[in-house]
Amino acid sequence: MSKNQSTLTAEARERVGKGSARELRRTGKIPAVIYGNKEAPVSIAIDRNEITKRIFGGGFMTTTFTVEVGKDKYMVLPKDYQLDPVRDFVMHVDFLRISEKSTVTVAIPVHFANEDKCPGIKRGGVLNIVRHEVEFHCPANAIPESITVDLISANLGDSLHISAVKLPENVTPVITDRDFTIATIAAPAGLKSDAEETEETVEEAEGETEE
């Protein structure tokens, strides 16, 4: 389950708009908003250095935060952030207000285990990652840091599907109409999988029999 829970300190922001946002940025702060859960949006200002460190430190979009605004506290999940297209400065952050009973939709990173022991990779195969992240519905207070695909028995030509991944309780993929592929073990040029070799051997044998 998620160990990603943290606290942010923010200030209430009474003025909104482009002029107010520019003024905030000049003072080292970033405009942000907390919305959702059928409550009125809350405009806030957060420290630019702090939020930049959080965003570029990894795992930001799967981290639940308690945002402290004076005496008020909000449990939130980051939903979006905007960067300056030229300098990569953080310009704005959107937070979704949640509760411990909330179910959220989050893109979870995919990790791979036992690459060094994978039979297909040992034979020269290449791990072809189809999805670096997978979207899931999950409890807001139990967001997985990642999902793990085990390559211990993957051979050349194998496709690794979501059904092969052991998921935490109450975590379900957004895509439910198919057993979608997460990765494949692709054979490099000139290297055939067992299935291809067997098929060609059978075809050759059948051809000799017909002659």
Foldseek 3Di string as FASTA:
>chain_A
DDPQEEEFEKEFDDDDDDVSLVVLVVVQWAWEWEDEPPDDITIIIGGQVVVVCLVVVDPQQLHWYWYDYPPDTFTWGWDDWDADPPPRRTHYTYIYTDDQADKDKGWAAEAEPDPVQQAAVVVVWDKFFPDRTFIKTAGSVDGDNHWYDYRNHAHEFDFDWPVRTDDDPRIGGPDDPDRDTGIHGHHPPPDDTPVVVVVVVVVVVVVVVVD
